[in-house]
């Protein structure tokens, strides 16, 4: 009974190692690294665009508030 247990444990360990090994191998190959760099770049661009749109919106709102407070004409 214990021999079957240890045999099955070895088989499961081998399968898990093989599956995770393939994932790790893919992750550290040049193609895998390039994919991760590309994804990180896309995320950075998306965050920068979101920041810029939020900034422009807040700037327009604040300018509108100041113009109302100072009784200035709206820009042409």
PDB file of N, CA and C in Angstrom:
ATOM      1  N   UNK A   1       0.821  -1.197   0.000  1.00  0.00           N
ATOM      2  CA  UNK A   1       0.000   0.000   0.000  1.00  0.00           C
ATOM      3  C   UNK A   1       0.865   1.261   0.000  1.00  0.00           C
ATOM      4  N   UNK A   2       1.914   1.264   0.814  1.00  0.00           N
ATOM      5  CA  UNK A   2       2.752   2.458   0.862  1.00  0.00           C
ATOM      6  C   UNK A   2       3.529   2.636  -0.442  1.00  0.00           C
ATOM      7  N   UNK A   3       3.856   1.555  -1.121  1.00  0.00           N
ATOM      8  CA  UNK A   3       4.575   1.672  -2.394  1.00  0.00           C
ATOM      9  C   UNK A   3       3.681   2.342  -3.442  1.00  0.00           C
ATOM     10  N   UNK A   4       2.412   1.993  -3.443  1.00  0.00           N
ATOM     11  CA  UNK A   4       1.475   2.618  -4.381  1.00  0.00           C
ATOM     12  C   UNK A   4       1.346   4.102  -4.071  1.00  0.00           C
ATOM     13  N   UNK A   5       1.262   4.438  -2.795  1.00  0.00           N
ATOM     14  CA  UNK A   5       1.170   5.835  -2.384  1.00  0.00           C
ATOM     15  C   UNK A   5       2.371   6.621  -2.879  1.00  0.00           C
ATOM     16  N   UNK A   6       3.579   6.120  -2.646  1.00  0.00           N
ATOM     17  CA  UNK A   6       4.781   6.830  -3.047  1.00  0.00           C
ATOM     18  C   UNK A   6       4.908   6.898  -4.565  1.00  0.00           C
ATOM     19  N   UNK A   7       4.483   5.847  -5.241  1.00  0.00           N
ATOM     20  CA  UNK A   7       4.495   5.861  -6.703  1.00  0.00           C
ATOM     21  C   UNK A   7       3.560   6.949  -7.230  1.00  0.00           C
ATOM     22  N   UNK A   8       2.335   7.004  -6.721  1.00  0.00           N
ATOM     23  CA  UNK A   8       1.368   8.018  -7.146  1.00  0.00           C
ATOM     24  C   UNK A   8       1.843   9.421  -6.792  1.00  0.00           C
ATOM     25  N   UNK A   9       2.441   9.558  -5.637  1.00  0.00           N
ATOM     26  CA  UNK A   9       2.976  10.861  -5.247  1.00  0.00           C
ATOM     27  C   UNK A   9       4.072  11.293  -6.224  1.00  0.00           C
ATOM     28  N   UNK A  10       4.914  10.380  -6.642  1.00  0.00           N
ATOM     29  CA  UNK A  10       5.954  10.679  -7.623  1.00  0.00           C
ATOM     30  C   UNK A  10       5.382  11.068  -8.973  1.00  0.00           C
ATOM     31  N   UNK A  11       4.331  10.370  -9.382  1.00  0.00           N
ATOM     32  CA  UNK A  11       3.691  10.689 -10.663  1.00  0.00           C
ATOM     33  C   UNK A  11       3.078  12.085 -10.616  1.00  0.00           C
ATOM     34  N   UNK A  12       2.365  12.379  -9.551  1.00  0.00           N
ATOM     35  CA  UNK A  12       1.732  13.704  -9.413  1.00  0.00           C
ATOM     36  C   UNK A  12       2.797  14.796  -9.376  1.00  0.00           C
ATOM     37  N   UNK A  13       3.865  14.567  -8.639  1.00  0.00           N
ATOM     38  CA  UNK A  13       4.945  15.549  -8.562  1.00  0.00           C
ATOM     39  C   UNK A  13       5.572  15.778  -9.935  1.00  0.00           C
ATOM     40  N   UNK A  14       5.764  14.716 -10.685  1.00  0.00           N
ATOM     41  CA  UNK A  14       6.333  14.832 -12.028  1.00  0.00           C
ATOM     42  C   UNK A  14       5.429  15.628 -12.949  1.00  0.00           C
ATOM     43  N   UNK A  15       4.148  15.357 -12.903  1.00  0.00           N
ATOM     44  CA  UNK A  15       3.200  16.078 -13.766  1.00  0.00           C
ATOM     45  C   UNK A  15       3.156  17.558 -13.394  1.00  0.00           C
ATOM     46  N   UNK A  16       3.081  17.853 -12.116  1.00  0.00           N
ATOM     47  CA  UNK A  16       3.033  19.250 -11.672  1.00  0.00           C
ATOM     48  C   UNK A  16       4.313  19.973 -12.069  1.00  0.00           C
ATOM     49  N   UNK A  17       5.447  19.331 -11.894  1.00  0.00           N
ATOM     50  CA  UNK A  17       6.724  19.936 -12.262  1.00  0.00           C
ATOM     51  C   UNK A  17       6.796  20.172 -13.765  1.00  0.00           C
ATOM     52  N   UNK A  18       6.318  19.234 -14.553  1.00  0.00           N
ATOM     53  CA  UNK A  18       6.350  19.385 -16.006  1.00  0.00           C
ATOM     54  C   UNK A  18       5.475  20.551 -16.454  1.00  0.00           C
ATOM     55  N   UNK A  19       4.282  20.654 -15.908  1.00  0.00           N
ATOM     56  CA  UNK A  19       3.373  21.736 -16.295  1.00  0.00           C
ATOM     57  C   UNK A  19       3.945  23.084 -15.865  1.00  0.00           C
ATOM     58  N   UNK A  20       4.376  23.199 -14.630  1.00  0.00           N
ATOM     59  CA  UNK A  20       4.931  24.463 -14.151  1.00  0.00           C
ATOM     60  C   UNK A  20       6.255  24.774 -14.827  1.00  0.00           C
ATOM     61  N   UNK A  21       7.020  23.756 -15.147  1.00  0.00           N
ATOM     62  CA  UNK A  21       8.293  23.970 -15.832  1.00  0.00           C
ATOM     63  C   UNK A  21       8.098  24.576 -17.207  1.00  0.00           C
ATOM     64  N   UNK A  22       7.088  24.110 -17.932  1.00  0.00           N
ATOM     65  CA  UNK A  22       6.796  24.685 -19.243  1.00  0.00           C
ATOM     66  C   UNK A  22       6.395  26.151 -19.126  1.00  0.00           C
ATOM     67  N   UNK A  23       5.580  26.450 -18.137  1.00  0.00           N
ATOM     68  CA  UNK A  23       5.174  27.847 -17.933  1.00  0.00           C
ATOM     69  C   UNK A  23       6.379  28.718 -17.594  1.00  0.00           C
ATOM     70  N   UNK A  24       7.234  28.243 -16.717  1.00  0.00           N
ATOM     71  CA  UNK A  24       8.419  29.018 -16.338  1.00  0.00           C
ATOM     72  C   UNK A  24       9.380  29.151 -17.519  1.00  0.00           C
ATOM     73  N   UNK A  25       9.542  28.092 -18.286  1.00  0.00           N
ATOM     74  CA  UNK A  25      10.417  28.149 -19.452  1.00  0.00           C
ATOM     75  C   UNK A  25       9.904  29.191 -20.436  1.00  0.00           C
ATOM     76  N   UNK A  26       8.603  29.197 -20.687  1.00  0.00           N
ATOM     77  CA  UNK A  26       8.006  30.173 -21.599  1.00  0.00           C
ATOM     78  C   UNK A  26       8.179  31.598 -21.059  1.00  0.00           C
ATOM     79  N   UNK A  27       8.064  31.734 -19.764  1.00  0.00           N
ATOM     80  CA  UNK A  27       8.142  33.048 -19.135  1.00  0.00           C
ATOM     81  C   UNK A  27       9.519  33.673 -19.284  1.00  0.00           C
ATOM     82  N   UNK A  28      10.570  32.870 -19.267  1.00  0.00           N
ATOM     83  CA  UNK A  28      11.924  33.404 -19.273  1.00  0.00           C
ATOM     84  C   UNK A  28      12.624  33.284 -20.618  1.00  0.00           C
ATOM     85  N   UNK A  29      11.927  32.856 -21.659  1.00  0.00           N
ATOM     86  CA  UNK A  29      12.502  32.873 -22.994  1.00  0.00           C
ATOM     87  C   UNK A  29      12.397  34.293 -23.538  1.00  0.00           C
ATOM     88  N   UNK A  30      13.178  34.632 -24.557  1.00  0.00           N
ATOM     89  CA  UNK A  30      13.089  35.992 -25.115  1.00  0.00           C
ATOM     90  C   UNK A  30      11.682  36.374 -25.564  1.00  0.00           C
ATOM     91  N   UNK A  31      10.947  35.419 -26.136  1.00  0.00           N
ATOM     92  CA  UNK A  31       9.581  35.734 -26.578  1.00  0.00           C
ATOM     93  C   UNK A  31       8.679  36.037 -25.387  1.00  0.00           C
ATOM     94  N   UNK A  32       8.829  35.263 -24.335  1.00  0.00           N
ATOM     95  CA  UNK A  32       8.014  35.485 -23.141  1.00  0.00           C
ATOM     96  C   UNK A  32       8.320  36.813 -22.477  1.00  0.00           C
ATOM     97  N   UNK A  33       9.605  37.147 -22.420  1.00  0.00           N
ATOM     98  CA  UNK A  33      10.001  38.425 -21.834  1.00  0.00           C
ATOM     99  C   UNK A  33       9.472  39.570 -22.691  1.00  0.00           C
ATOM    100  N   UNK A  34       9.562  39.422 -24.012  1.00  0.00           N
ATOM    101  CA  UNK A  34       9.049  40.464 -24.908  1.00  0.00           C
ATOM    102  C   UNK A  34       7.550  40.660 -24.722  1.00  0.00           C
ATOM    103  N   UNK A  35       6.815  39.573 -24.549  1.00  0.00           N
ATOM    104  CA  UNK A  35       5.369  39.685 -24.321  1.00  0.00           C
ATOM    105  C   UNK A  35       5.067  40.432 -23.031  1.00  0.00           C
ATOM    106  N   UNK A  36       5.818  40.118 -21.974  1.00  0.00           N
ATOM    107  CA  UNK A  36       5.585  40.797 -20.693  1.00  0.00           C
ATOM    108  C   UNK A  36       5.932  42.279 -20.791  1.00  0.00           C
ATOM    109  N   UNK A  37       7.020  42.602 -21.493  1.00  0.00           N
ATOM    110  CA  UNK A  37       7.405  44.006 -21.660  1.00  0.00           C
ATOM    111  C   UNK A  37       6.343  44.745 -22.467  1.00  0.00           C
ATOM    112  N   UNK A  38       5.849  44.117 -23.519  1.00  0.00           N
ATOM    113  CA  UNK A  38       4.816  44.743 -24.342  1.00  0.00           C
ATOM    114  C   UNK A  38       3.545  44.992 -23.531  1.00  0.00           C
ATOM    115  N   UNK A  39       3.134  44.014 -22.744  1.00  0.00           N
ATOM    116  CA  UNK A  39       1.935  44.170 -21.919  1.00  0.00           C
ATOM    117  C   UNK A  39       2.117  45.284 -20.895  1.00  0.00           C
ATOM    118  N   UNK A  40       3.291  45.343 -20.284  1.00  0.00           N
ATOM    119  CA  UNK A  40       3.563  46.403 -19.310  1.00  0.00           C
ATOM    120  C   UNK A  40       3.529  47.768 -19.982  1.00  0.00           C
ATOM    121  N   UNK A  41       4.070  47.858 -21.191  1.00  0.00           N
ATOM    122  CA  UNK A  41       4.040  49.114 -21.940  1.00  0.00           C
ATOM    123  C   UNK A  41       2.625  49.550 -22.259  1.00  0.00           C
ATOM    124  N   UNK A  42       1.798  48.584 -22.669  1.00  0.00           N
ATOM    125  CA  UNK A  42       0.394  48.906 -22.969  1.00  0.00           C
ATOM    126  C   UNK A  42      -0.328  49.410 -21.729  1.00  0.00           C
ATOM    127  N   UNK A  43      -0.065  48.778 -20.592  1.00  0.00           N
ATOM    128  CA  UNK A  43      -0.701  49.217 -19.348  1.00  0.00           C
ATOM    129  C   UNK A  43      -0.234  50.619 -18.968  1.00  0.00           C
ATOM    130  N   UNK A  44       1.046  50.905 -19.165  1.00  0.00           N
ATOM    131  CA  UNK A  44       1.570  52.235 -18.834  1.00  0.00           C
ATOM    132  C   UNK A  44       0.936  53.300 -19.720  1.00  0.00           C
ATOM    133  N   UNK A  45       0.788  53.017 -21.008  1.00  0.00           N
ATOM    134  CA  UNK A  45       0.157  53.964 -21.926  1.00  0.00           C
ATOM    135  C   UNK A  45      -1.295  54.193 -21.535  1.00  0.00           C
ATOM    136  N   UNK A  46      -1.999  53.128 -21.184  1.00  0.00           N
ATOM    137  CA  UNK A  46      -3.404  53.261 -20.786  1.00  0.00           C
ATOM    138  C   UNK A  46      -3.528  54.113 -19.523  1.00  0.00           C
ATOM    139  N   UNK A  47      -2.648  53.899 -18.562  1.00  0.00           N
ATOM    140  CA  UNK A  47      -2.690  54.693 -17.333  1.00  0.00           C
ATOM    141  C   UNK A  47      -2.345  56.150 -17.605  1.00  0.00           C
ATOM    142  N   UNK A  48      -1.381  56.394 -18.488  1.00  0.00           N
ATOM    143  CA  UNK A  48      -1.010  57.769 -18.830  1.00  0.00           C
ATOM    144  C   UNK A  48      -2.170  58.476 -19.529  1.00  0.00           C
ATOM    145  N   UNK A  49      -2.842  57.775 -20.439  1.00  0.00           N
ATOM    146  CA  UNK A  49      -3.999  58.371 -21.124  1.00  0.00           C
ATOM    147  C   UNK A  49      -5.126  58.679 -20.142  1.00  0.00           C
ATOM    148  N   UNK A  50      -5.343  57.781 -19.201  1.00  0.00           N
ATOM    149  CA  UNK A  50      -6.383  58.008 -18.202  1.00  0.00           C
ATOM    150  C   UNK A  50      -6.032  59.217 -17.337  1.00  0.00           C
ATOM    151  N   UNK A  51      -4.771  59.319 -16.918  1.00  0.00           N
ATOM    152  CA  UNK A  51      -4.339  60.453 -16.127  1.00  0.00           C
ATOM    153  C   UNK A  51      -4.516  61.751 -16.905  1.00  0.00           C
ATOM    154  N   UNK A  52      -4.103  61.754 -18.171  1.00  0.00           N
ATOM    155  CA  UNK A  52      -4.186  62.962 -18.983  1.00  0.00           C
ATOM    156  C   UNK A  52      -5.635  63.397 -19.162  1.00  0.00           C
ATOM    157  N   UNK A  53      -6.534  62.462 -19.442  1.00  0.00           N
ATOM    158  CA  UNK A  53      -7.932  62.847 -19.631  1.00  0.00           C
ATOM    159  C   UNK A  53      -8.548  63.363 -18.333  1.00  0.00           C
ATOM    160  N   UNK A  54      -8.191  62.754 -17.212  1.00  0.00           N
ATOM    161  CA  UNK A  54      -8.684  63.227 -15.920  1.00  0.00           C
ATOM    162  C   UNK A  54      -8.147  64.622 -15.616  1.00  0.00           C
ATOM    163  N   UNK A  55      -6.874  64.824 -15.902  1.00  0.00           N
ATOM    164  CA  UNK A  55      -6.240  66.124 -15.665  1.00  0.00           C
ATOM    165  C   UNK A  55      -6.898  67.212 -16.509  1.00  0.00           C
ATOM    166  N   UNK A  56      -7.105  66.928 -17.810  1.00  0.00           N
ATOM    167  CA  UNK A  56      -7.719  67.926 -18.686  1.00  0.00           C
ATOM    168  C   UNK A  56      -9.145  68.247 -18.241  1.00  0.00           C
ATOM    169  N   UNK A  57      -9.885  67.234 -17.826  1.00  0.00           N
ATOM    170  CA  UNK A  57     -11.252  67.450 -17.372  1.00  0.00           C
ATOM    171  C   UNK A  57     -11.273  68.318 -16.113  1.00  0.00           C
ATOM    172  N   UNK A  58     -10.407  67.994 -15.171  1.00  0.00           N
ATOM    173  CA  UNK A  58     -10.341  68.775 -13.933  1.00  0.00           C
ATOM    174  C   UNK A  58      -9.891  70.199 -14.215  1.00  0.00           C
ATOM    175  N   UNK A  59      -8.972  70.363 -15.148  1.00  0.00           N
ATOM    176  CA  UNK A  59      -8.495  71.697 -15.491  1.00  0.00           C
ATOM    177  C   UNK A  59      -9.622  72.525 -16.112  1.00  0.00           C
ATOM    178  N   UNK A  60     -10.401  71.911 -17.000  1.00  0.00           N
ATOM    179  CA  UNK A  60     -11.527  72.633 -17.605  1.00  0.00           C
ATOM    180  C   UNK A  60     -12.572  73.020 -16.554  1.00  0.00           C
ATOM    181  N   UNK A  61     -12.860  72.102 -15.656  1.00  0.00           N
ATOM    182  CA  UNK A  61     -13.831  72.394 -14.600  1.00  0.00           C
ATOM    183  C   UNK A  61     -13.356  73.532 -13.713  1.00  0.00           C
ATOM    184  N   UNK A  62     -12.086  73.492 -13.333  1.00  0.00           N
ATOM    185  CA  UNK A  62     -11.551  74.543 -12.463  1.00  0.00           C
ATOM    186  C   UNK A  62     -11.534  75.888 -13.183  1.00  0.00           C
ATOM    187  N   UNK A  63     -11.189  75.884 -14.468  1.00  0.00           N
ATOM    188  CA  UNK A  63     -11.185  77.127 -15.226  1.00  0.00           C
ATOM    189  C   UNK A  63     -12.601  77.705 -15.292  1.00  0.00           C
ATOM    190  N   UNK A  64     -13.575  76.846 -15.484  1.00  0.00           N
ATOM    191  CA  UNK A  64     -14.966  77.290 -15.528  1.00  0.00           C
ATOM    192  C   UNK A  64     -15.378  77.893 -14.185  1.00  0.00           C
ATOM    193  N   UNK A  65     -15.003  77.252 -13.092  1.00  0.00           N
ATOM    194  CA  UNK A  65     -15.311  77.775 -11.757  1.00  0.00           C
ATOM    195  C   UNK A  65     -14.680  79.150 -11.551  1.00  0.00           C
ATOM    196  N   UNK A  66     -13.416  79.296 -11.932  1.00  0.00           N
ATOM    197  CA  UNK A  66     -12.737  80.579 -11.764  1.00  0.00           C
ATOM    198  C   UNK A  66     -13.367  81.666 -12.625  1.00  0.00           C
ATOM    199  N   UNK A  67     -13.745  81.329 -13.828  1.00  0.00           N
ATOM    200  CA  UNK A  67     -14.378  82.323 -14.698  1.00  0.00           C
ATOM    201  C   UNK A  67     -15.717  82.789 -14.109  1.00  0.00           C
ATOM    202  N   UNK A  68     -16.472  81.859 -13.524  1.00  0.00           N
ATOM    203  CA  UNK A  68     -17.733  82.256 -12.893  1.00  0.00           C
ATOM    204  C   UNK A  68     -17.484  83.144 -11.681  1.00  0.00           C
ATOM    205  N   UNK A  69     -16.487  82.788 -10.878  1.00  0.00           N
ATOM    206  CA  UNK A  69     -16.172  83.561  -9.669  1.00  0.00           C
ATOM    207  C   UNK A  69     -15.693  84.958 -10.008  1.00  0.00           C
ATOM    208  N   UNK A  70     -14.913  85.079 -11.085  1.00  0.00           N
ATOM    209  CA  UNK A  70     -14.339  86.368 -11.444  1.00  0.00           C
ATOM    210  C   UNK A  70     -15.170  87.131 -12.465  1.00  0.00           C
ATOM    211  N   UNK A  71     -16.314  86.569 -12.827  1.00  0.00           N
ATOM    212  CA  UNK A  71     -17.223  87.185 -13.807  1.00  0.00           C
ATOM    213  C   UNK A  71     -16.501  87.510 -15.111  1.00  0.00           C
ATOM    214  N   UNK A  72     -15.764  86.560 -15.626  1.00  0.00           N
ATOM    215  CA  UNK A  72     -15.062  86.725 -16.904  1.00  0.00           C
ATOM    216  C   UNK A  72     -15.896  86.111 -18.013  1.00  0.00           C
ATOM    217  N   UNK A  73     -15.671  86.613 -19.215  1.00  0.00           N
ATOM    218  CA  UNK A  73     -16.350  86.044 -20.373  1.00  0.00           C
ATOM    219  C   UNK A  73     -15.793  84.644 -20.643  1.00  0.00           C
ATOM    220  N   UNK A  74     -16.621  83.851 -21.288  1.00  0.00           N
ATOM    221  CA  UNK A  74     -16.129  82.527 -21.669  1.00  0.00           C
ATOM    222  C   UNK A  74     -15.150  82.668 -22.824  1.00  0.00           C
ATOM    223  N   UNK A  75     -14.167  81.772 -22.914  1.00  0.00           N
ATOM    224  CA  UNK A  75     -13.169  81.904 -23.989  1.00  0.00           C
ATOM    225  C   UNK A  75     -13.794  81.650 -25.338  1.00  0.00           C
ATOM    226  N   UNK A  76     -13.243  82.283 -26.360  1.00  0.00           N
ATOM    227  CA  UNK A  76     -13.772  82.150 -27.710  1.00  0.00           C
ATOM    228  C   UNK A  76     -13.338  80.874 -28.356  1.00  0.00           C
TER     229      UNK A  76
END
